[in-house]
Amino acid sequence: MAQINSCIKWTFTVFNVLFAIFGAIVILFPLLSQVYIRDDMEGRTTGLVVLYVVGAVTLVIAVLGAYGAHRENKVCLILFLVCMVIGTLMMLRIGIVAAFFRPKLTEIVSDKFRELLPLDTASEEVKNMADGMQSQLHCCGLFSYSDWEDNVPDSCVCSSMEVEEGMCQSLSYLNLFPRKQIYSKPCFPILMRFILIVADVMTGIVFSLATLAVLGMILSSIMIHQLRHPTRTTVLMVPSIFTTGPPKYQELQNPPVY
């Protein structure tokens, strides 16, 4: 005889199926990255390992919860509940820290980038990164074209169409002879806008996962309670303000005299 309410069991099963799909996607993402992006994977190994671990743990927890609900196994449900409690605390800690540092993120990133200046004397890796960023974002320098001093690269040079659109400025040597038409916008504000969008999205995902973990905690707690007290029915307590009380006034009449 089933001891868990069928509606709660199916809701919990669907929850764990979605949770398992999320874990599979997390595992699939680094796997596809290794298959299709074979170059420059040395610096990304740690991130890929973290994604593999997170995806595998998520998948195992989802399978554990689904099995516990299907078999009405109290031990599996308790283990799932413990994992949800730990996951909720971790997500809340990460989300709260991210929300706290969000207003300071621009200043932190700006200080890190200023350590790379001037760009013309930076390492080849930094120069290649700056060149690629300037070509893709159509900008010049991190904070200004003067970050390159007198060695402005060709990645800052505008095309003729971009010059007509007013995206460029004239770079002169000693303010006498026009030398190049370069992008007028620096790269840092454009890059920072993308970073803030990513930070906001990641913070939203973390708090969403924390909310899902709380939902998993509630559902698993209800099922564990039903397994512990299989004969106890759920009683809905109605507040006394909604119950019908005795009338405030009662008609008084004399009893008939015989």
Protein backbone atom coordinates (compact mmCIF):
# COMPACT_ATOMS: atom_id res chain seq x y z
CA MET A 1 0.00 0.00 0.00
CA ALA A 2 1.35 3.42 -0.97
CA GLN A 3 2.21 5.57 2.03
CA ILE A 4 3.06 8.76 0.09
CA ASN A 5 0.45 10.96 -1.51
CA SER A 6 0.46 10.26 -5.26
CA CYS A 7 0.25 13.97 -6.19
CA ILE A 8 3.29 14.80 -4.06
CA LYS A 9 5.16 11.79 -5.43
CA TRP A 10 4.58 12.78 -9.06
CA THR A 11 5.47 16.41 -8.36
CA PHE A 12 8.68 15.30 -6.70
CA THR A 13 9.47 12.93 -9.58
CA VAL A 14 9.03 15.69 -12.18
CA PHE A 15 11.21 17.96 -10.03
CA ASN A 16 14.01 15.38 -10.00
CA VAL A 17 13.70 14.72 -13.73
CA LEU A 18 14.24 18.44 -14.41
CA PHE A 19 17.09 18.41 -11.90
CA ALA A 20 18.67 15.45 -13.71
CA ILE A 21 18.32 17.19 -17.09
CA PHE A 22 20.12 20.23 -15.65
CA GLY A 23 22.96 17.98 -14.41
CA ALA A 24 23.22 16.27 -17.82
CA ILE A 25 23.44 19.66 -19.57
CA VAL A 26 26.21 20.76 -17.18
CA ILE A 27 28.15 17.56 -18.05
CA LEU A 28 27.48 17.90 -21.77
CA PHE A 29 28.75 21.49 -21.98
CA PRO A 30 32.43 20.78 -21.10
CA LEU A 31 32.29 17.56 -23.11
CA LEU A 32 31.30 19.45 -26.26
CA SER A 33 33.92 22.09 -25.48
CA GLN A 34 36.65 19.45 -25.47
CA VAL A 35 35.37 17.92 -28.72
CA TYR A 36 34.91 21.11 -30.77
CA ILE A 37 37.45 23.45 -29.14
CA ARG A 38 40.73 21.59 -29.19
CA ASP A 39 43.05 24.60 -29.05
CA ASP A 40 44.19 26.36 -25.89
CA MET A 41 42.50 23.97 -23.45
CA GLU A 42 45.34 23.98 -20.90
CA GLY A 43 44.11 26.99 -18.96
CA ARG A 44 40.52 25.72 -18.94
CA THR A 45 41.13 22.31 -17.39
CA THR A 46 40.20 23.40 -13.86
CA GLY A 47 36.93 24.96 -15.02
CA LEU A 48 36.01 21.86 -17.02
CA VAL A 49 36.70 19.58 -14.05
CA VAL A 50 34.50 21.78 -11.83
CA LEU A 51 31.66 21.54 -14.37
CA TYR A 52 32.04 17.76 -14.58
CA VAL A 53 31.90 17.44 -10.79
CA VAL A 54 28.90 19.77 -10.41
CA GLY A 55 26.99 18.00 -13.18
CA ALA A 56 27.76 14.53 -11.83
CA VAL A 57 26.78 15.44 -8.26
CA THR A 58 23.54 17.05 -9.48
CA LEU A 59 22.71 13.96 -11.54
CA VAL A 60 23.39 11.57 -8.64
CA ILE A 61 21.26 13.62 -6.23
CA ALA A 62 18.38 13.72 -8.73
CA VAL A 63 18.53 9.96 -9.27
CA LEU A 64 18.68 9.42 -5.51
CA GLY A 65 15.59 11.54 -4.93
CA ALA A 66 13.62 9.97 -7.79
CA TYR A 67 14.48 6.46 -6.60
CA GLY A 68 13.57 7.30 -3.01
CA ALA A 69 10.18 8.67 -4.06
CA HIS A 70 9.40 5.80 -6.43
CA ARG A 71 10.39 3.07 -3.96
CA GLU A 72 9.24 5.09 -0.93
CA ASN A 73 12.69 4.56 0.56
CA LYS A 74 13.12 6.64 3.69
CA VAL A 75 16.94 6.44 3.70
CA CYS A 76 17.24 7.80 0.14
CA LEU A 77 14.81 10.60 0.89
CA ILE A 78 16.73 11.56 4.04
CA LEU A 79 20.01 11.62 2.07
CA PHE A 80 18.31 13.75 -0.58
CA LEU A 81 17.03 16.13 2.11
CA VAL A 82 20.53 16.49 3.57
CA CYS A 83 21.97 17.25 0.12
CA MET A 84 19.26 19.86 -0.47
CA VAL A 85 20.02 21.55 2.86
CA ILE A 86 23.75 21.67 2.03
CA GLY A 87 23.03 22.88 -1.50
CA THR A 88 20.71 25.62 -0.26
CA LEU A 89 23.30 26.91 2.19
CA MET A 90 26.02 26.88 -0.46
CA MET A 91 23.85 28.65 -3.06
CA LEU A 92 22.75 31.29 -0.58
CA ARG A 93 26.33 31.91 0.50
CA ILE A 94 27.51 32.31 -3.10
CA GLY A 95 24.51 34.46 -4.05
CA ILE A 96 24.78 36.77 -1.04
CA VAL A 97 28.53 37.27 -1.59
CA ALA A 98 27.95 37.96 -5.30
CA ALA A 99 25.18 40.45 -4.54
CA PHE A 100 27.40 42.17 -1.96
CA PHE A 101 30.33 42.61 -4.37
CA ARG A 102 28.14 43.58 -7.35
CA PRO A 103 28.40 47.37 -6.73
CA LYS A 104 32.19 47.07 -6.32
CA LEU A 105 32.75 44.87 -9.38
CA THR A 106 33.52 47.74 -11.76
CA GLU A 107 36.19 49.15 -9.46
CA ILE A 108 37.77 45.72 -8.88
CA VAL A 109 37.98 44.89 -12.60
CA SER A 110 39.24 48.40 -13.40
CA ASP A 111 42.10 48.06 -10.92
CA LYS A 112 43.06 44.67 -12.40
CA PHE A 113 43.12 46.06 -15.93
CA ARG A 114 45.14 49.13 -14.97
CA GLU A 115 47.89 46.79 -13.79
CA LEU A 116 48.35 45.74 -17.44
CA LEU A 117 49.15 49.26 -18.65
CA PRO A 118 50.84 50.39 -20.78
CA LEU A 119 49.75 47.83 -23.34
CA ASP A 120 52.70 48.30 -25.71
CA THR A 121 55.09 46.96 -23.03
CA ALA A 122 52.78 44.19 -21.81
CA SER A 123 53.34 40.49 -22.46
CA GLU A 124 52.51 38.96 -25.83
CA GLU A 125 49.55 37.15 -24.29
CA VAL A 126 48.04 40.43 -23.07
CA LYS A 127 48.71 42.11 -26.42
CA ASN A 128 47.01 39.30 -28.33
CA MET A 129 44.05 39.44 -25.95
CA ALA A 130 43.77 43.23 -26.43
CA ASP A 131 44.05 42.94 -30.22
CA GLY A 132 41.30 40.34 -30.36
CA MET A 133 39.06 42.37 -28.07
CA GLN A 134 39.57 45.56 -30.12
CA SER A 135 38.77 43.78 -33.38
CA GLN A 136 35.58 42.19 -32.02
CA LEU A 137 34.25 45.11 -29.97
CA HIS A 138 35.41 47.89 -32.36
CA CYS A 139 37.23 49.85 -29.68
CA CYS A 140 40.76 51.03 -28.98
CA GLY A 141 42.68 50.65 -25.73
CA LEU A 142 41.25 49.65 -22.40
CA PHE A 143 40.56 53.15 -21.12
CA SER A 144 41.90 55.21 -24.04
CA TYR A 145 43.98 54.78 -27.18
CA SER A 146 46.84 56.29 -25.15
CA ASP A 147 47.11 52.95 -23.34
CA TRP A 148 49.23 51.93 -26.36
CA GLU A 149 51.29 55.15 -26.08
CA ASP A 150 52.80 55.73 -29.57
CA ASN A 151 52.38 52.12 -30.78
CA VAL A 152 48.68 51.93 -31.63
CA PRO A 153 48.10 48.56 -33.38
CA ASP A 154 46.19 47.96 -36.59
CA SER A 155 43.31 46.40 -34.64
CA CYS A 156 42.37 49.96 -33.61
CA VAL A 157 42.17 51.22 -37.18
CA CYS A 158 38.66 51.84 -38.57
CA SER A 159 37.38 50.82 -41.96
CA SER A 160 36.12 53.42 -44.41
CA MET A 161 32.50 52.53 -43.67
CA GLU A 162 33.08 52.95 -39.92
CA VAL A 163 34.67 56.33 -40.55
CA GLU A 164 31.56 57.45 -42.42
CA GLU A 165 29.37 56.22 -39.53
CA GLY A 166 31.23 58.50 -37.11
CA MET A 167 32.71 55.72 -34.97
CA CYS A 168 36.28 56.94 -35.30
CA GLN A 169 38.62 59.72 -34.42
CA SER A 170 41.75 61.06 -36.08
CA LEU A 171 45.04 60.06 -34.46
CA SER A 172 47.76 62.60 -35.16
CA TYR A 173 51.47 62.61 -34.50
CA LEU A 174 52.40 65.66 -32.44
CA ASN A 175 48.95 67.02 -33.40
CA LEU A 176 50.29 68.02 -36.83
CA PHE A 177 49.72 65.34 -39.41
CA PRO A 178 46.74 62.95 -39.39
CA ARG A 179 48.09 59.46 -39.24
CA LYS A 180 45.25 57.00 -38.55
CA GLN A 181 41.52 56.81 -38.12
CA ILE A 182 41.02 54.77 -34.96
CA TYR A 183 38.00 53.76 -32.88
CA SER A 184 36.91 56.54 -30.56
CA LYS A 185 35.44 54.31 -27.84
CA PRO A 186 37.65 52.53 -25.27
CA CYS A 187 37.10 48.83 -24.66
CA PHE A 188 36.66 48.81 -20.88
CA PRO A 189 33.09 50.26 -20.71
CA ILE A 190 31.91 47.84 -23.42
CA LEU A 191 33.61 44.88 -21.77
CA MET A 192 32.34 45.88 -18.34
CA ARG A 193 28.78 45.98 -19.59
CA PHE A 194 29.07 42.33 -20.69
CA ILE A 195 30.70 41.36 -17.39
CA LEU A 196 27.88 42.96 -15.38
CA ILE A 197 25.25 41.20 -17.49
CA VAL A 198 26.96 37.84 -16.93
CA ALA A 199 27.30 38.55 -13.20
CA ASP A 200 23.60 39.42 -12.92
CA VAL A 201 22.57 36.30 -14.85
CA MET A 202 24.79 34.06 -12.72
CA THR A 203 23.45 35.61 -9.52
CA GLY A 204 19.90 35.01 -10.73
CA ILE A 205 20.74 31.39 -11.56
CA VAL A 206 22.26 30.84 -8.11
CA PHE A 207 19.22 32.21 -6.30
CA SER A 208 16.92 30.21 -8.62
CA LEU A 209 18.81 27.02 -7.75
CA ALA A 210 18.52 27.91 -4.06
CA THR A 211 14.75 28.30 -4.50
CA LEU A 212 14.54 24.91 -6.23
CA ALA A 213 16.59 23.36 -3.44
CA VAL A 214 14.15 24.78 -0.87
CA LEU A 215 11.27 23.28 -2.88
CA GLY A 216 13.06 19.93 -2.87
CA MET A 217 13.54 20.22 0.90
CA ILE A 218 9.82 20.85 1.43
CA LEU A 219 8.67 17.98 -0.79
CA SER A 220 11.14 15.49 0.65
CA SER A 221 10.27 16.54 4.20
CA ILE A 222 6.57 15.95 3.52
CA MET A 223 7.25 12.49 2.10
CA ILE A 224 9.52 11.53 5.00
CA HIS A 225 6.77 12.64 7.40
CA GLN A 226 4.22 10.51 5.55
CA LEU A 227 6.52 7.50 5.68
CA ARG A 228 7.05 7.92 9.41
CA HIS A 229 3.33 8.35 10.13
CA PRO A 230 1.56 6.28 7.46
CA THR A 231 -1.76 6.08 9.35
CA ARG A 232 -1.96 9.77 10.22
CA THR A 233 -4.13 11.75 7.86
CA THR A 234 -3.54 15.36 7.02
CA VAL A 235 -5.94 17.57 8.94
CA LEU A 236 -6.79 21.02 7.67
CA MET A 237 -7.32 23.35 10.58
CA VAL A 238 -9.89 26.05 9.88
CA PRO A 239 -9.45 29.25 11.90
CA SER A 240 -12.21 29.99 14.35
CA ILE A 241 -13.07 33.24 12.59
CA PHE A 242 -14.49 31.22 9.70
CA THR A 243 -16.60 28.89 11.85
CA THR A 244 -20.25 29.53 12.55
CA GLY A 245 -20.72 30.65 16.12
CA PRO A 246 -23.83 31.03 18.20
CA PRO A 247 -26.06 33.96 17.29
CA LYS A 248 -25.35 37.19 19.11
CA TYR A 249 -29.02 37.78 19.80
CA GLN A 250 -31.64 35.26 20.61
CA GLU A 251 -35.34 35.93 20.52
CA LEU A 252 -36.89 35.84 23.96
CA GLN A 253 -40.45 34.78 24.35
CA ASN A 254 -42.60 33.78 27.21
CA PRO A 255 -43.47 30.13 27.40
CA PRO A 256 -47.11 29.41 26.72
CA VAL A 257 -49.36 29.27 29.76
CA TYR A 258 -51.79 26.38 29.89
